[in-house]
């Protein structure tokens, strides 16, 4: 059963930018609810960033502000290529 907070997070993960939705949609639908509480919280932090920053982190080699966010981005990118 999804909590209200989880529902809000999945909804906020919809960006409207195809480049980001390609990564966020599969993660939110297939992996987010099964992730550890820590990873869910990290994803919630990640989606609070502005789209231009997220694009830089996902589409280039620029690193996110923390190593935990960078690791989550790598993980999300790997899920896309499963």
PDB file of N, CA and C in Angstrom:
ATOM      1  N   UNK A   1       0.846  -1.189   0.000  1.00  0.00           N
ATOM      2  CA  UNK A   1       0.000   0.000   0.000  1.00  0.00           C
ATOM      3  C   UNK A   1       0.888   1.248   0.000  1.00  0.00           C
ATOM      4  N   UNK A   2       0.591   2.148  -0.886  1.00  0.00           N
ATOM      5  CA  UNK A   2       1.358   3.383  -0.989  1.00  0.00           C
ATOM      6  C   UNK A   2       0.919   4.398   0.058  1.00  0.00           C
ATOM      7  N   UNK A   3       1.909   5.067   0.636  1.00  0.00           N
ATOM      8  CA  UNK A   3       1.586   6.149   1.563  1.00  0.00           C
ATOM      9  C   UNK A   3       1.290   7.412   0.763  1.00  0.00           C
ATOM     10  N   UNK A   4       0.707   8.379   1.416  1.00  0.00           N
ATOM     11  CA  UNK A   4       0.433   9.657   0.777  1.00  0.00           C
ATOM     12  C   UNK A   4       1.733  10.310   0.306  1.00  0.00           C
ATOM     13  N   UNK A   5       2.764  10.233   1.128  1.00  0.00           N
ATOM     14  CA  UNK A   5       4.058  10.825   0.766  1.00  0.00           C
ATOM     15  C   UNK A   5       4.648  10.153  -0.473  1.00  0.00           C
ATOM     16  N   UNK A   6       4.528   8.846  -0.562  1.00  0.00           N
ATOM     17  CA  UNK A   6       5.026   8.128  -1.740  1.00  0.00           C
ATOM     18  C   UNK A   6       4.250   8.535  -2.991  1.00  0.00           C
ATOM     19  N   UNK A   7       2.960   8.688  -2.860  1.00  0.00           N
ATOM     20  CA  UNK A   7       2.139   9.131  -3.999  1.00  0.00           C
ATOM     21  C   UNK A   7       2.558  10.522  -4.459  1.00  0.00           C
ATOM     22  N   UNK A   8       2.798  11.409  -3.499  1.00  0.00           N
ATOM     23  CA  UNK A   8       3.231  12.762  -3.833  1.00  0.00           C
ATOM     24  C   UNK A   8       4.574  12.737  -4.545  1.00  0.00           C
ATOM     25  N   UNK A   9       5.482  11.907  -4.071  1.00  0.00           N
ATOM     26  CA  UNK A   9       6.807  11.822  -4.679  1.00  0.00           C
ATOM     27  C   UNK A   9       6.711  11.327  -6.116  1.00  0.00           C
ATOM     28  N   UNK A  10       5.932  10.296  -6.336  1.00  0.00           N
ATOM     29  CA  UNK A  10       5.771   9.764  -7.695  1.00  0.00           C
ATOM     30  C   UNK A  10       5.155  10.827  -8.603  1.00  0.00           C
ATOM     31  N   UNK A  11       4.199  11.570  -8.092  1.00  0.00           N
ATOM     32  CA  UNK A  11       3.586  12.632  -8.881  1.00  0.00           C
ATOM     33  C   UNK A  11       4.593  13.735  -9.196  1.00  0.00           C
ATOM     34  N   UNK A  12       5.391  14.142  -8.200  1.00  0.00           N
ATOM     35  CA  UNK A  12       6.380  15.204  -8.407  1.00  0.00           C
ATOM     36  C   UNK A  12       7.515  14.774  -9.320  1.00  0.00           C
ATOM     37  N   UNK A  13       7.696  13.470  -9.476  1.00  0.00           N
ATOM     38  CA  UNK A  13       8.763  12.980 -10.355  1.00  0.00           C
ATOM     39  C   UNK A  13       8.440  13.226 -11.826  1.00  0.00           C
ATOM     40  N   UNK A  14       7.189  13.464 -12.140  1.00  0.00           N
ATOM     41  CA  UNK A  14       6.803  13.799 -13.520  1.00  0.00           C
ATOM     42  C   UNK A  14       7.269  15.207 -13.819  1.00  0.00           C
ATOM     43  N   UNK A  15       8.186  15.321 -14.756  1.00  0.00           N
ATOM     44  CA  UNK A  15       8.802  16.605 -15.013  1.00  0.00           C
ATOM     45  C   UNK A  15       8.214  17.342 -16.206  1.00  0.00           C
ATOM     46  N   UNK A  16       7.748  16.639 -17.198  1.00  0.00           N
ATOM     47  CA  UNK A  16       7.290  17.292 -18.407  1.00  0.00           C
ATOM     48  C   UNK A  16       8.408  17.491 -19.411  1.00  0.00           C
ATOM     49  N   UNK A  17       9.622  17.181 -19.020  1.00  0.00           N
ATOM     50  CA  UNK A  17      10.762  17.200 -19.943  1.00  0.00           C
ATOM     51  C   UNK A  17      11.056  15.766 -20.335  1.00  0.00           C
ATOM     52  N   UNK A  18      10.958  15.483 -21.600  1.00  0.00           N
ATOM     53  CA  UNK A  18      11.141  14.116 -22.076  1.00  0.00           C
ATOM     54  C   UNK A  18      12.475  13.528 -21.602  1.00  0.00           C
ATOM     55  N   UNK A  19      13.514  14.345 -21.622  1.00  0.00           N
ATOM     56  CA  UNK A  19      14.851  13.884 -21.257  1.00  0.00           C
ATOM     57  C   UNK A  19      14.897  13.373 -19.810  1.00  0.00           C
ATOM     58  N   UNK A  20      14.159  14.010 -18.922  1.00  0.00           N
ATOM     59  CA  UNK A  20      14.135  13.568 -17.525  1.00  0.00           C
ATOM     60  C   UNK A  20      13.096  12.481 -17.292  1.00  0.00           C
ATOM     61  N   UNK A  21      11.965  12.592 -17.955  1.00  0.00           N
ATOM     62  CA  UNK A  21      10.919  11.582 -17.789  1.00  0.00           C
ATOM     63  C   UNK A  21      11.391  10.200 -18.236  1.00  0.00           C
ATOM     64  N   UNK A  22      12.296  10.160 -19.192  1.00  0.00           N
ATOM     65  CA  UNK A  22      12.858   8.880 -19.646  1.00  0.00           C
ATOM     66  C   UNK A  22      13.521   8.151 -18.481  1.00  0.00           C
ATOM     67  N   UNK A  23      14.128   8.897 -17.583  1.00  0.00           N
ATOM     68  CA  UNK A  23      14.794   8.296 -16.423  1.00  0.00           C
ATOM     69  C   UNK A  23      13.841   8.121 -15.243  1.00  0.00           C
ATOM     70  N   UNK A  24      13.070   9.158 -14.939  1.00  0.00           N
ATOM     71  CA  UNK A  24      12.262   9.154 -13.722  1.00  0.00           C
ATOM     72  C   UNK A  24      11.060   8.217 -13.793  1.00  0.00           C
ATOM     73  N   UNK A  25      10.365   8.169 -14.924  1.00  0.00           N
ATOM     74  CA  UNK A  25       9.157   7.349 -15.013  1.00  0.00           C
ATOM     75  C   UNK A  25       9.407   5.874 -14.704  1.00  0.00           C
ATOM     76  N   UNK A  26      10.375   5.222 -15.376  1.00  0.00           N
ATOM     77  CA  UNK A  26      10.593   3.804 -15.059  1.00  0.00           C
ATOM     78  C   UNK A  26      11.035   3.581 -13.604  1.00  0.00           C
ATOM     79  N   UNK A  27      11.871   4.474 -13.091  1.00  0.00           N
ATOM     80  CA  UNK A  27      12.321   4.319 -11.708  1.00  0.00           C
ATOM     81  C   UNK A  27      11.132   4.453 -10.757  1.00  0.00           C
ATOM     82  N   UNK A  28      10.338   5.493 -10.941  1.00  0.00           N
ATOM     83  CA  UNK A  28       9.210   5.734 -10.038  1.00  0.00           C
ATOM     84  C   UNK A  28       8.193   4.597 -10.095  1.00  0.00           C
ATOM     85  N   UNK A  29       7.960   4.060 -11.278  1.00  0.00           N
ATOM     86  CA  UNK A  29       6.934   3.024 -11.433  1.00  0.00           C
ATOM     87  C   UNK A  29       7.414   1.629 -11.057  1.00  0.00           C
ATOM     88  N   UNK A  30       8.700   1.339 -11.257  1.00  0.00           N
ATOM     89  CA  UNK A  30       9.175  -0.028 -11.088  1.00  0.00           C
ATOM     90  C   UNK A  30      10.106  -0.243  -9.893  1.00  0.00           C
ATOM     91  N   UNK A  31      10.741   0.821  -9.400  1.00  0.00           N
ATOM     92  CA  UNK A  31      11.768   0.608  -8.379  1.00  0.00           C
ATOM     93  C   UNK A  31      11.570   1.419  -7.096  1.00  0.00           C
ATOM     94  N   UNK A  32      10.980   2.588  -7.204  1.00  0.00           N
ATOM     95  CA  UNK A  32      10.884   3.480  -6.046  1.00  0.00           C
ATOM     96  C   UNK A  32      10.198   2.828  -4.850  1.00  0.00           C
ATOM     97  N   UNK A  33       9.059   2.205  -5.059  1.00  0.00           N
ATOM     98  CA  UNK A  33       8.303   1.637  -3.934  1.00  0.00           C
ATOM     99  C   UNK A  33       9.015   0.458  -3.276  1.00  0.00           C
ATOM    100  N   UNK A  34       9.902  -0.216  -4.011  1.00  0.00           N
ATOM    101  CA  UNK A  34      10.644  -1.342  -3.455  1.00  0.00           C
ATOM    102  C   UNK A  34      12.003  -0.938  -2.900  1.00  0.00           C
ATOM    103  N   UNK A  35      12.353   0.320  -3.064  1.00  0.00           N
ATOM    104  CA  UNK A  35      13.657   0.802  -2.597  1.00  0.00           C
ATOM    105  C   UNK A  35      13.647   0.924  -1.070  1.00  0.00           C
ATOM    106  N   UNK A  36      14.841   0.955  -0.513  1.00  0.00           N
ATOM    107  CA  UNK A  36      14.961   1.162   0.937  1.00  0.00           C
ATOM    108  C   UNK A  36      14.427   2.548   1.292  1.00  0.00           C
ATOM    109  N   UNK A  37      14.107   2.731   2.555  1.00  0.00           N
ATOM    110  CA  UNK A  37      13.613   4.031   3.029  1.00  0.00           C
ATOM    111  C   UNK A  37      14.640   5.125   2.744  1.00  0.00           C
ATOM    112  N   UNK A  38      15.920   4.812   2.908  1.00  0.00           N
ATOM    113  CA  UNK A  38      16.976   5.790   2.656  1.00  0.00           C
ATOM    114  C   UNK A  38      17.011   6.191   1.185  1.00  0.00           C
ATOM    115  N   UNK A  39      16.877   5.201   0.292  1.00  0.00           N
ATOM    116  CA  UNK A  39      16.885   5.509  -1.137  1.00  0.00           C
ATOM    117  C   UNK A  39      15.643   6.303  -1.524  1.00  0.00           C
ATOM    118  N   UNK A  40      14.504   5.979  -0.935  1.00  0.00           N
ATOM    119  CA  UNK A  40      13.291   6.749  -1.212  1.00  0.00           C
ATOM    120  C   UNK A  40      13.481   8.207  -0.795  1.00  0.00           C
ATOM    121  N   UNK A  41      14.084   8.423   0.361  1.00  0.00           N
ATOM    122  CA  UNK A  41      14.324   9.785   0.829  1.00  0.00           C
ATOM    123  C   UNK A  41      15.314  10.509  -0.082  1.00  0.00           C
ATOM    124  N   UNK A  42      16.303   9.799  -0.563  1.00  0.00           N
ATOM    125  CA  UNK A  42      17.274  10.387  -1.478  1.00  0.00           C
ATOM    126  C   UNK A  42      16.602  10.778  -2.793  1.00  0.00           C
ATOM    127  N   UNK A  43      15.713   9.928  -3.300  1.00  0.00           N
ATOM    128  CA  UNK A  43      14.977  10.246  -4.519  1.00  0.00           C
ATOM    129  C   UNK A  43      14.097  11.476  -4.301  1.00  0.00           C
ATOM    130  N   UNK A  44      13.475  11.563  -3.141  1.00  0.00           N
ATOM    131  CA  UNK A  44      12.663  12.739  -2.814  1.00  0.00           C
ATOM    132  C   UNK A  44      13.512  14.003  -2.838  1.00  0.00           C
ATOM    133  N   UNK A  45      14.740  13.913  -2.346  1.00  0.00           N
ATOM    134  CA  UNK A  45      15.654  15.057  -2.399  1.00  0.00           C
ATOM    135  C   UNK A  45      16.015  15.387  -3.842  1.00  0.00           C
ATOM    136  N   UNK A  46      16.298  14.362  -4.620  1.00  0.00           N
ATOM    137  CA  UNK A  46      16.733  14.546  -6.002  1.00  0.00           C
ATOM    138  C   UNK A  46      15.685  15.304  -6.810  1.00  0.00           C
ATOM    139  N   UNK A  47      14.429  14.933  -6.686  1.00  0.00           N
ATOM    140  CA  UNK A  47      13.410  15.561  -7.525  1.00  0.00           C
ATOM    141  C   UNK A  47      13.077  16.988  -7.092  1.00  0.00           C
ATOM    142  N   UNK A  48      13.626  17.434  -5.981  1.00  0.00           N
ATOM    143  CA  UNK A  48      13.435  18.824  -5.556  1.00  0.00           C
ATOM    144  C   UNK A  48      14.337  19.790  -6.325  1.00  0.00           C
ATOM    145  N   UNK A  49      15.349  19.282  -6.990  1.00  0.00           N
ATOM    146  CA  UNK A  49      16.257  20.144  -7.744  1.00  0.00           C
ATOM    147  C   UNK A  49      15.597  20.626  -9.026  1.00  0.00           C
ATOM    148  N   UNK A  50      16.104  21.722  -9.544  1.00  0.00           N
ATOM    149  CA  UNK A  50      15.590  22.318 -10.778  1.00  0.00           C
ATOM    150  C   UNK A  50      15.969  21.471 -11.986  1.00  0.00           C
ATOM    151  N   UNK A  51      15.120  21.515 -13.004  1.00  0.00           N
ATOM    152  CA  UNK A  51      15.337  20.723 -14.212  1.00  0.00           C
ATOM    153  C   UNK A  51      16.707  20.962 -14.876  1.00  0.00           C
ATOM    154  N   UNK A  52      17.179  22.212 -15.006  1.00  0.00           N
ATOM    155  CA  UNK A  52      18.491  22.399 -15.648  1.00  0.00           C
ATOM    156  C   UNK A  52      19.626  21.674 -14.905  1.00  0.00           C
ATOM    157  N   UNK A  53      19.566  21.683 -13.582  1.00  0.00           N
ATOM    158  CA  UNK A  53      20.582  20.969 -12.799  1.00  0.00           C
ATOM    159  C   UNK A  53      20.467  19.472 -13.032  1.00  0.00           C
ATOM    160  N   UNK A  54      19.244  18.960 -12.985  1.00  0.00           N
ATOM    161  CA  UNK A  54      19.034  17.528 -13.200  1.00  0.00           C
ATOM    162  C   UNK A  54      19.503  17.102 -14.588  1.00  0.00           C
ATOM    163  N   UNK A  55      19.226  17.922 -15.594  1.00  0.00           N
ATOM    164  CA  UNK A  55      19.685  17.608 -16.947  1.00  0.00           C
ATOM    165  C   UNK A  55      21.207  17.506 -16.997  1.00  0.00           C
ATOM    166  N   UNK A  56      21.885  18.456 -16.359  1.00  0.00           N
ATOM    167  CA  UNK A  56      23.352  18.405 -16.317  1.00  0.00           C
ATOM    168  C   UNK A  56      23.843  17.122 -15.675  1.00  0.00           C
ATOM    169  N   UNK A  57      23.219  16.713 -14.596  1.00  0.00           N
ATOM    170  CA  UNK A  57      23.670  15.531 -13.868  1.00  0.00           C
ATOM    171  C   UNK A  57      23.358  14.236 -14.610  1.00  0.00           C
ATOM    172  N   UNK A  58      22.231  14.186 -15.299  1.00  0.00           N
ATOM    173  CA  UNK A  58      21.848  12.965 -16.007  1.00  0.00           C
ATOM    174  C   UNK A  58      22.467  12.858 -17.398  1.00  0.00           C
ATOM    175  N   UNK A  59      22.633  13.980 -18.075  1.00  0.00           N
ATOM    176  CA  UNK A  59      23.055  13.927 -19.466  1.00  0.00           C
ATOM    177  C   UNK A  59      24.527  14.237 -19.687  1.00  0.00           C
ATOM    178  N   UNK A  60      25.211  14.697 -18.665  1.00  0.00           N
ATOM    179  CA  UNK A  60      26.643  14.965 -18.801  1.00  0.00           C
ATOM    180  C   UNK A  60      27.379  14.299 -17.648  1.00  0.00           C
ATOM    181  N   UNK A  61      28.607  14.528 -17.594  1.00  0.00           N
ATOM    182  CA  UNK A  61      29.416  13.926 -16.537  1.00  0.00           C
ATOM    183  C   UNK A  61      29.508  14.806 -15.298  1.00  0.00           C
ATOM    184  N   UNK A  62      28.755  15.903 -15.281  1.00  0.00           N
ATOM    185  CA  UNK A  62      28.762  16.769 -14.114  1.00  0.00           C
ATOM    186  C   UNK A  62      28.184  16.022 -12.926  1.00  0.00           C
ATOM    187  N   UNK A  63      28.811  16.173 -11.780  1.00  0.00           N
ATOM    188  CA  UNK A  63      28.386  15.442 -10.588  1.00  0.00           C
ATOM    189  C   UNK A  63      27.365  16.247  -9.785  1.00  0.00           C
ATOM    190  N   UNK A  64      26.468  15.526  -9.157  1.00  0.00           N
ATOM    191  CA  UNK A  64      25.474  16.127  -8.267  1.00  0.00           C
ATOM    192  C   UNK A  64      26.175  16.652  -7.013  1.00  0.00           C
ATOM    193  N   UNK A  65      25.486  17.450  -6.204  1.00  0.00           N
ATOM    194  CA  UNK A  65      26.108  18.061  -5.027  1.00  0.00           C
ATOM    195  C   UNK A  65      26.586  17.086  -3.949  1.00  0.00           C
ATOM    196  N   UNK A  66      26.087  15.856  -3.965  1.00  0.00           N
ATOM    197  CA  UNK A  66      26.570  14.885  -2.970  1.00  0.00           C
ATOM    198  C   UNK A  66      26.872  13.562  -3.663  1.00  0.00           C
ATOM    199  N   UNK A  67      27.743  12.799  -3.059  1.00  0.00           N
ATOM    200  CA  UNK A  67      28.093  11.498  -3.637  1.00  0.00           C
ATOM    201  C   UNK A  67      26.901  10.541  -3.597  1.00  0.00           C
ATOM    202  N   UNK A  68      26.033  10.688  -2.604  1.00  0.00           N
ATOM    203  CA  UNK A  68      24.835   9.842  -2.530  1.00  0.00           C
ATOM    204  C   UNK A  68      23.889  10.114  -3.696  1.00  0.00           C
ATOM    205  N   UNK A  69      23.711  11.384  -4.043  1.00  0.00           N
ATOM    206  CA  UNK A  69      22.863  11.718  -5.184  1.00  0.00           C
ATOM    207  C   UNK A  69      23.490  11.237  -6.486  1.00  0.00           C
ATOM    208  N   UNK A  70      24.803  11.391  -6.612  1.00  0.00           N
ATOM    209  CA  UNK A  70      25.503  10.912  -7.811  1.00  0.00           C
ATOM    210  C   UNK A  70      25.337   9.407  -7.956  1.00  0.00           C
ATOM    211  N   UNK A  71      25.440   8.679  -6.858  1.00  0.00           N
ATOM    212  CA  UNK A  71      25.267   7.222  -6.895  1.00  0.00           C
ATOM    213  C   UNK A  71      23.834   6.853  -7.281  1.00  0.00           C
ATOM    214  N   UNK A  72      22.853   7.581  -6.765  1.00  0.00           N
ATOM    215  CA  UNK A  72      21.462   7.305  -7.122  1.00  0.00           C
ATOM    216  C   UNK A  72      21.221   7.584  -8.608  1.00  0.00           C
ATOM    217  N   UNK A  73      21.777   8.646  -9.118  1.00  0.00           N
ATOM    218  CA  UNK A  73      21.635   8.962 -10.540  1.00  0.00           C
ATOM    219  C   UNK A  73      22.225   7.841 -11.388  1.00  0.00           C
ATOM    220  N   UNK A  74      23.394   7.349 -11.007  1.00  0.00           N
ATOM    221  CA  UNK A  74      24.001   6.221 -11.727  1.00  0.00           C
ATOM    222  C   UNK A  74      23.076   5.004 -11.703  1.00  0.00           C
ATOM    223  N   UNK A  75      22.499   4.749 -10.553  1.00  0.00           N
ATOM    224  CA  UNK A  75      21.597   3.609 -10.394  1.00  0.00           C
ATOM    225  C   UNK A  75      20.355   3.763 -11.273  1.00  0.00           C
ATOM    226  N   UNK A  76      19.765   4.944 -11.280  1.00  0.00           N
ATOM    227  CA  UNK A  76      18.594   5.203 -12.109  1.00  0.00           C
ATOM    228  C   UNK A  76      18.937   5.027 -13.582  1.00  0.00           C
ATOM    229  N   UNK A  77      20.108   5.498 -13.978  1.00  0.00           N
ATOM    230  CA  UNK A  77      20.536   5.348 -15.373  1.00  0.00           C
ATOM    231  C   UNK A  77      20.736   3.885 -15.731  1.00  0.00           C
ATOM    232  N   UNK A  78      21.240   3.088 -14.802  1.00  0.00           N
ATOM    233  CA  UNK A  78      21.421   1.650 -15.044  1.00  0.00           C
ATOM    234  C   UNK A  78      20.078   0.956 -15.219  1.00  0.00           C
ATOM    235  N   UNK A  79      19.076   1.341 -14.424  1.00  0.00           N
ATOM    236  CA  UNK A  79      17.747   0.748 -14.548  1.00  0.00           C
ATOM    237  C   UNK A  79      17.171   0.960 -15.943  1.00  0.00           C
ATOM    238  N   UNK A  80      17.472   2.083 -16.530  1.00  0.00           N
ATOM    239  CA  UNK A  80      16.957   2.397 -17.852  1.00  0.00           C
ATOM    240  C   UNK A  80      17.499   1.422 -18.890  1.00  0.00           C
ATOM    241  N   UNK A  81      18.704   0.938 -18.682  1.00  0.00           N
ATOM    242  CA  UNK A  81      19.368   0.080 -19.666  1.00  0.00           C
ATOM    243  C   UNK A  81      19.264  -1.399 -19.338  1.00  0.00           C
ATOM    244  N   UNK A  82      18.379  -1.772 -18.401  1.00  0.00           N
ATOM    245  CA  UNK A  82      18.196  -3.192 -18.061  1.00  0.00           C
ATOM    246  C   UNK A  82      17.556  -3.950 -19.189  1.00  0.00           C
TER     247      UNK A  82
END
